Amino acid sequence: MRVHPPASDHGTMEPTLTLYSIRINGHLGPTALSAFPAMVSQRQGGQTVLTGLLPDRSALYGVLDEIEALGLDLVELRKLVPRRRSSEPGDSR
């Protein structure tokens, strides 16, 4: 019996980048922020918000593992959905 590899344009999945926002209690310093190179940080009140595009769930779990390993207080995790642009003028969706 012959085994055929899948065609290059068939059966493969392209990685889909997903935008996440992660809110952590407190202000993170440069050393703690260096644990999240794929994320952009922003201070909001007494919290730090990390935002970034992650290629898959394992990357997200890696970020969450770092948060736990550093003993940080996770407040919120959001998967952000980009707004769809309307093709019709005047449609405010």
N, C-alpha and C. Protein backbone atom coordinates (compact mmCIF):
# COMPACT_ATOMS: atom_id res chain seq x y z
N MET A 1 0.84 -1.17 0.00
CA MET A 1 0.00 0.00 0.00
C MET A 1 0.89 1.24 0.00
N ARG A 2 0.56 2.19 -0.86
CA ARG A 2 1.32 3.43 -0.94
C ARG A 2 0.72 4.48 -0.03
N VAL A 3 1.60 5.26 0.58
CA VAL A 3 1.17 6.36 1.42
C VAL A 3 1.57 7.65 0.72
N HIS A 4 0.60 8.53 0.54
CA HIS A 4 0.85 9.80 -0.14
C HIS A 4 0.81 10.94 0.86
N PRO A 5 1.83 11.78 0.88
CA PRO A 5 1.77 12.95 1.76
C PRO A 5 0.70 13.92 1.28
N PRO A 6 0.12 14.69 2.17
CA PRO A 6 -0.91 15.64 1.74
C PRO A 6 -0.33 16.69 0.81
N ALA A 7 -1.15 17.16 -0.09
CA ALA A 7 -0.74 18.22 -1.00
C ALA A 7 -0.42 19.47 -0.19
N SER A 8 0.46 20.30 -0.73
CA SER A 8 0.91 21.46 0.03
C SER A 8 -0.20 22.47 0.30
N ASP A 9 -1.24 22.48 -0.51
CA ASP A 9 -2.34 23.43 -0.28
C ASP A 9 -3.57 22.76 0.31
N HIS A 10 -3.42 21.50 0.72
CA HIS A 10 -4.57 20.77 1.22
C HIS A 10 -4.22 20.10 2.54
N GLY A 11 -5.08 20.28 3.51
CA GLY A 11 -4.89 19.57 4.76
C GLY A 11 -3.98 20.25 5.76
N THR A 12 -3.48 21.42 5.46
CA THR A 12 -2.66 22.13 6.44
C THR A 12 -3.43 23.30 6.99
N MET A 13 -3.09 23.64 8.21
CA MET A 13 -3.76 24.76 8.85
C MET A 13 -2.76 25.89 9.05
N GLU A 14 -3.13 27.07 8.63
CA GLU A 14 -2.31 28.25 8.86
C GLU A 14 -2.52 28.69 10.30
N PRO A 15 -1.46 29.10 11.00
CA PRO A 15 -1.67 29.62 12.35
C PRO A 15 -2.48 30.90 12.30
N THR A 16 -3.41 31.02 13.20
CA THR A 16 -4.25 32.20 13.28
C THR A 16 -3.86 32.99 14.51
N LEU A 17 -3.44 34.23 14.31
CA LEU A 17 -3.08 35.06 15.45
C LEU A 17 -4.35 35.57 16.11
N THR A 18 -4.37 35.51 17.42
CA THR A 18 -5.51 35.96 18.20
C THR A 18 -5.04 37.04 19.16
N LEU A 19 -5.83 38.11 19.26
CA LEU A 19 -5.49 39.23 20.12
C LEU A 19 -6.07 39.01 21.51
N TYR A 20 -5.21 39.10 22.52
CA TYR A 20 -5.63 38.92 23.91
C TYR A 20 -5.27 40.15 24.74
N SER A 21 -6.09 40.40 25.74
CA SER A 21 -5.83 41.42 26.74
C SER A 21 -5.85 40.75 28.10
N ILE A 22 -4.77 40.94 28.86
CA ILE A 22 -4.63 40.29 30.16
C ILE A 22 -4.39 41.38 31.20
N ARG A 23 -5.27 41.45 32.18
CA ARG A 23 -5.19 42.47 33.23
C ARG A 23 -4.63 41.84 34.50
N ILE A 24 -3.60 42.50 35.05
CA ILE A 24 -2.91 42.01 36.23
C ILE A 24 -2.93 43.10 37.30
N ASN A 25 -3.15 42.71 38.55
CA ASN A 25 -3.11 43.67 39.66
C ASN A 25 -1.70 44.18 39.85
N GLY A 26 -1.56 45.48 40.07
CA GLY A 26 -0.27 46.07 40.34
C GLY A 26 0.45 46.54 39.09
N HIS A 27 1.53 47.28 39.32
CA HIS A 27 2.36 47.76 38.22
C HIS A 27 3.58 46.86 38.09
N LEU A 28 3.78 46.33 36.90
CA LEU A 28 4.92 45.45 36.66
C LEU A 28 6.13 46.28 36.25
N GLY A 29 7.27 45.94 36.81
CA GLY A 29 8.52 46.60 36.46
C GLY A 29 9.15 45.96 35.24
N PRO A 30 10.26 46.52 34.78
CA PRO A 30 10.92 46.02 33.57
C PRO A 30 11.32 44.54 33.65
N THR A 31 11.74 44.09 34.83
CA THR A 31 12.16 42.69 34.96
C THR A 31 10.97 41.75 34.77
N ALA A 32 9.84 42.04 35.41
CA ALA A 32 8.65 41.20 35.25
C ALA A 32 8.12 41.29 33.83
N LEU A 33 8.14 42.47 33.23
CA LEU A 33 7.63 42.63 31.87
C LEU A 33 8.49 41.88 30.85
N SER A 34 9.76 41.66 31.17
CA SER A 34 10.63 40.94 30.24
C SER A 34 10.19 39.48 30.07
N ALA A 35 9.36 38.99 30.96
CA ALA A 35 8.83 37.62 30.85
C ALA A 35 7.74 37.51 29.79
N PHE A 36 7.30 38.66 29.25
CA PHE A 36 6.20 38.67 28.28
C PHE A 36 6.61 39.42 27.02
N PRO A 37 7.58 38.90 26.27
CA PRO A 37 8.10 39.63 25.11
C PRO A 37 7.09 39.82 23.98
N ALA A 38 6.08 38.97 23.92
CA ALA A 38 5.08 39.09 22.85
C ALA A 38 3.96 40.06 23.20
N MET A 39 4.02 40.63 24.40
CA MET A 39 2.92 41.47 24.87
C MET A 39 3.38 42.92 25.04
N VAL A 40 2.44 43.84 24.83
CA VAL A 40 2.67 45.26 25.07
C VAL A 40 1.98 45.60 26.39
N SER A 41 2.67 46.35 27.24
CA SER A 41 2.09 46.67 28.55
C SER A 41 1.60 48.10 28.60
N GLN A 42 0.58 48.30 29.43
CA GLN A 42 0.02 49.63 29.66
C GLN A 42 -0.51 49.66 31.08
N ARG A 43 -0.21 50.75 31.79
CA ARG A 43 -0.73 50.91 33.15
C ARG A 43 -2.11 51.54 33.07
N GLN A 44 -3.03 50.96 33.83
CA GLN A 44 -4.39 51.51 33.94
C GLN A 44 -4.77 51.48 35.40
N GLY A 45 -4.78 52.66 36.01
CA GLY A 45 -5.06 52.72 37.44
C GLY A 45 -3.98 51.97 38.18
N GLY A 46 -4.36 51.08 39.06
CA GLY A 46 -3.42 50.28 39.83
C GLY A 46 -3.11 48.94 39.19
N GLN A 47 -3.39 48.81 37.89
CA GLN A 47 -3.21 47.54 37.22
C GLN A 47 -2.33 47.68 35.98
N THR A 48 -1.83 46.55 35.51
CA THR A 48 -1.09 46.49 34.25
C THR A 48 -1.90 45.66 33.28
N VAL A 49 -2.04 46.17 32.06
CA VAL A 49 -2.75 45.44 31.01
C VAL A 49 -1.72 45.01 29.96
N LEU A 50 -1.66 43.72 29.72
CA LEU A 50 -0.79 43.16 28.68
C LEU A 50 -1.67 42.84 27.48
N THR A 51 -1.27 43.32 26.32
CA THR A 51 -2.04 43.08 25.10
C THR A 51 -1.09 42.56 24.03
N GLY A 52 -1.54 41.54 23.29
CA GLY A 52 -0.69 41.01 22.24
C GLY A 52 -1.36 39.94 21.41
N LEU A 53 -0.77 39.73 20.24
CA LEU A 53 -1.22 38.68 19.32
C LEU A 53 -0.48 37.39 19.65
N LEU A 54 -1.22 36.35 19.88
CA LEU A 54 -0.63 35.05 20.18
C LEU A 54 -1.06 34.05 19.11
N PRO A 55 -0.14 33.18 18.69
CA PRO A 55 -0.43 32.29 17.56
C PRO A 55 -1.34 31.12 17.86
N ASP A 56 -1.42 30.70 19.13
CA ASP A 56 -2.24 29.53 19.44
C ASP A 56 -2.46 29.45 20.95
N ARG A 57 -3.22 28.45 21.36
CA ARG A 57 -3.53 28.29 22.78
C ARG A 57 -2.30 27.98 23.61
N SER A 58 -1.37 27.24 23.06
CA SER A 58 -0.18 26.92 23.85
C SER A 58 0.61 28.18 24.18
N ALA A 59 0.64 29.15 23.28
CA ALA A 59 1.30 30.43 23.57
C ALA A 59 0.55 31.16 24.68
N LEU A 60 -0.77 31.13 24.63
CA LEU A 60 -1.57 31.76 25.69
C LEU A 60 -1.31 31.08 27.03
N TYR A 61 -1.29 29.75 27.03
CA TYR A 61 -1.03 29.01 28.27
C TYR A 61 0.38 29.31 28.78
N GLY A 62 1.32 29.53 27.88
CA GLY A 62 2.67 29.89 28.28
C GLY A 62 2.69 31.23 29.02
N VAL A 63 1.92 32.20 28.51
CA VAL A 63 1.82 33.50 29.19
C VAL A 63 1.17 33.33 30.55
N LEU A 64 0.10 32.55 30.61
CA LEU A 64 -0.58 32.32 31.89
C LEU A 64 0.32 31.59 32.88
N ASP A 65 1.14 30.66 32.39
CA ASP A 65 2.09 29.96 33.26
C ASP A 65 3.11 30.94 33.83
N GLU A 66 3.58 31.88 33.02
CA GLU A 66 4.54 32.89 33.50
C GLU A 66 3.89 33.76 34.58
N ILE A 67 2.64 34.13 34.37
CA ILE A 67 1.92 34.94 35.37
C ILE A 67 1.87 34.18 36.69
N GLU A 68 1.54 32.90 36.62
CA GLU A 68 1.47 32.08 37.84
C GLU A 68 2.85 31.92 38.46
N ALA A 69 3.87 31.65 37.65
CA ALA A 69 5.21 31.43 38.17
C ALA A 69 5.76 32.67 38.88
N LEU A 70 5.37 33.85 38.39
CA LEU A 70 5.82 35.09 39.01
C LEU A 70 4.97 35.49 40.21
N GLY A 71 3.91 34.74 40.47
CA GLY A 71 3.04 35.03 41.61
C GLY A 71 2.19 36.26 41.41
N LEU A 72 1.88 36.57 40.15
CA LEU A 72 1.08 37.76 39.85
C LEU A 72 -0.40 37.45 40.01
N ASP A 73 -1.17 38.49 40.29
CA ASP A 73 -2.61 38.37 40.51
C ASP A 73 -3.36 38.67 39.22
N LEU A 74 -3.80 37.61 38.53
CA LEU A 74 -4.55 37.74 37.28
C LEU A 74 -5.95 38.24 37.60
N VAL A 75 -6.34 39.36 36.97
CA VAL A 75 -7.66 39.94 37.21
C VAL A 75 -8.62 39.56 36.09
N GLU A 76 -8.12 39.61 34.85
CA GLU A 76 -9.02 39.40 33.71
C GLU A 76 -8.23 38.94 32.50
N LEU A 77 -8.84 38.05 31.73
CA LEU A 77 -8.31 37.60 30.45
C LEU A 77 -9.41 37.80 29.43
N ARG A 78 -9.10 38.51 28.36
CA ARG A 78 -10.09 38.73 27.31
C ARG A 78 -9.51 38.36 25.95
N LYS A 79 -10.31 37.68 25.17
CA LYS A 79 -9.99 37.45 23.77
C LYS A 79 -10.68 38.58 23.02
N LEU A 80 -9.89 39.41 22.38
CA LEU A 80 -10.44 40.58 21.70
C LEU A 80 -10.78 40.22 20.26
N VAL A 81 -11.96 40.64 19.84
CA VAL A 81 -12.42 40.38 18.48
C VAL A 81 -12.37 41.69 17.72
N PRO A 82 -11.63 41.73 16.60
CA PRO A 82 -11.57 42.98 15.84
C PRO A 82 -12.94 43.35 15.30
N ARG A 83 -13.20 44.64 15.28
CA ARG A 83 -14.47 45.11 14.74
C ARG A 83 -14.47 44.95 13.23
N ARG A 84 -15.59 44.49 12.73
CA ARG A 84 -15.73 44.35 11.27
C ARG A 84 -16.08 45.68 10.68
N ARG A 85 -15.43 46.01 9.61
CA ARG A 85 -15.74 47.26 8.92
C ARG A 85 -16.91 47.03 7.98
N SER A 86 -17.83 47.96 8.00
CA SER A 86 -19.00 47.85 7.16
C SER A 86 -18.66 48.25 5.74
N SER A 87 -19.26 47.56 4.79
CA SER A 87 -19.02 47.90 3.38
C SER A 87 -20.00 48.97 2.90
N GLU A 88 -21.00 49.27 3.71
CA GLU A 88 -21.98 50.27 3.30
C GLU A 88 -21.74 51.58 4.03
N PRO A 89 -21.75 52.70 3.29
CA PRO A 89 -21.57 53.98 3.96
C PRO A 89 -22.74 54.27 4.89
N GLY A 90 -22.42 54.83 6.04
CA GLY A 90 -23.48 55.18 6.99
C GLY A 90 -23.84 54.06 7.93
N ASP A 91 -23.36 52.86 7.68
CA ASP A 91 -23.60 51.74 8.59
C ASP A 91 -22.60 51.84 9.72
N SER A 92 -23.05 52.02 10.94
CA SER A 92 -22.16 52.29 12.06
C SER A 92 -21.78 51.04 12.85
N ARG A 93 -21.84 49.86 12.27
CA ARG A 93 -21.46 48.64 12.98
C ARG A 93 -20.03 48.61 13.33
